[in-house]
Amino acid sequence: MSKYIVFFEETATGYSAHVPDLPGCIGAAETLEQTKQLMREAIEFHVEGMLLQGEPVPEPTTIVDVVDVNVVGIQESIAR
């Protein structure tokens, strides 16, 4: 089983998402939960289409991490 990174972004009308390791695999819905479900289906559909076309399915390579940034400290530094 492969695990693909999905980026979710809040939009003016709900949420959008894309999979960096599967170019063109995108989706959007009104709620985050709807978007998550849609993306599960979109990834499966995308991979199925690639296999039917005889294309290789890329292995997940995207790495995600959370970076802490002291925004308050930066603001205070600028305000001085």
Protein backbone atom coordinates (compact mmCIF):
# COMPACT_ATOMS: atom_id res chain seq x y z
CA MET A 1 0.00 0.00 0.00
CA SER A 2 1.33 3.43 -0.93
CA LYS A 3 0.73 6.56 1.10
CA TYR A 4 0.56 9.78 -0.90
CA ILE A 5 0.85 13.26 0.60
CA VAL A 6 -2.23 15.39 -0.05
CA PHE A 7 -2.11 19.16 0.41
CA PHE A 8 -5.38 20.73 1.54
CA GLU A 9 -6.06 24.46 1.31
CA GLU A 10 -9.01 26.47 2.51
CA THR A 11 -10.63 28.50 -0.26
CA ALA A 12 -13.38 31.10 -0.41
CA THR A 13 -15.92 28.37 -1.15
CA GLY A 14 -14.54 25.40 0.80
CA TYR A 15 -11.36 23.38 0.34
CA SER A 16 -9.13 22.33 -2.52
CA ALA A 17 -6.48 19.62 -2.58
CA HIS A 18 -3.73 18.19 -4.75
CA VAL A 19 -1.23 15.32 -4.69
CA PRO A 20 2.30 16.48 -5.63
CA ASP A 21 3.41 12.96 -6.57
CA LEU A 22 0.45 12.48 -8.94
CA PRO A 23 0.37 15.54 -11.21
CA GLY A 24 -3.17 16.42 -12.21
CA CYS A 25 -4.72 14.64 -9.23
CA ILE A 26 -6.79 17.45 -7.72
CA GLY A 27 -10.13 17.96 -6.04
CA ALA A 28 -12.33 20.49 -4.26
CA ALA A 29 -15.40 20.37 -2.05
CA GLU A 30 -17.32 22.45 0.48
CA THR A 31 -15.94 20.84 3.66
CA LEU A 32 -12.59 19.39 4.65
CA GLU A 33 -14.14 15.97 5.28
CA GLN A 34 -15.79 15.98 1.84
CA THR A 35 -12.49 16.98 0.26
CA LYS A 36 -10.63 14.21 2.08
CA GLN A 37 -13.10 11.60 0.86
CA LEU A 38 -13.01 13.02 -2.65
CA MET A 39 -9.22 12.82 -2.68
CA ARG A 40 -9.23 9.17 -1.57
CA GLU A 41 -11.44 8.44 -4.56
CA ALA A 42 -9.45 10.75 -6.87
CA ILE A 43 -6.15 9.02 -6.06
CA GLU A 44 -7.62 5.58 -6.74
CA PHE A 45 -9.18 6.80 -10.00
CA HIS A 46 -5.96 8.53 -11.06
CA VAL A 47 -3.83 5.45 -10.38
CA GLU A 48 -6.35 3.20 -12.15
CA GLY A 49 -6.24 5.47 -15.20
CA MET A 50 -2.45 5.43 -15.27
CA LEU A 51 -2.40 1.62 -15.10
CA LEU A 52 -5.03 1.29 -17.84
CA GLN A 53 -2.92 3.57 -20.05
CA GLY A 54 0.19 1.47 -19.37
CA GLU A 55 1.87 4.31 -17.51
CA PRO A 56 4.08 3.67 -14.49
CA VAL A 57 2.58 4.77 -11.17
CA PRO A 58 5.10 6.95 -9.33
CA GLU A 59 6.10 5.98 -5.84
CA PRO A 60 5.41 8.63 -3.21
CA THR A 61 8.49 10.80 -2.73
CA THR A 62 7.11 14.00 -1.21
CA ILE A 63 8.28 14.65 2.34
CA VAL A 64 6.32 16.89 4.68
CA ASP A 65 7.38 18.49 7.92
CA VAL A 66 6.12 21.25 10.15
CA VAL A 67 8.47 24.17 10.71
CA ASP A 68 8.05 26.31 13.81
CA VAL A 69 8.51 30.05 13.23
CA ASN A 70 8.41 32.67 15.97
CA VAL A 71 6.26 35.22 14.11
CA VAL A 72 5.69 37.26 17.28
CA GLY A 73 9.44 37.51 17.82
CA ILE A 74 9.95 38.67 14.25
CA GLN A 75 7.19 41.27 14.60
CA GLU A 76 8.72 42.53 17.85
CA SER A 77 12.15 42.72 16.23
CA ILE A 78 10.78 44.76 13.33
CA ALA A 79 8.83 47.09 15.63
CA ARG A 80 11.97 48.16 17.51
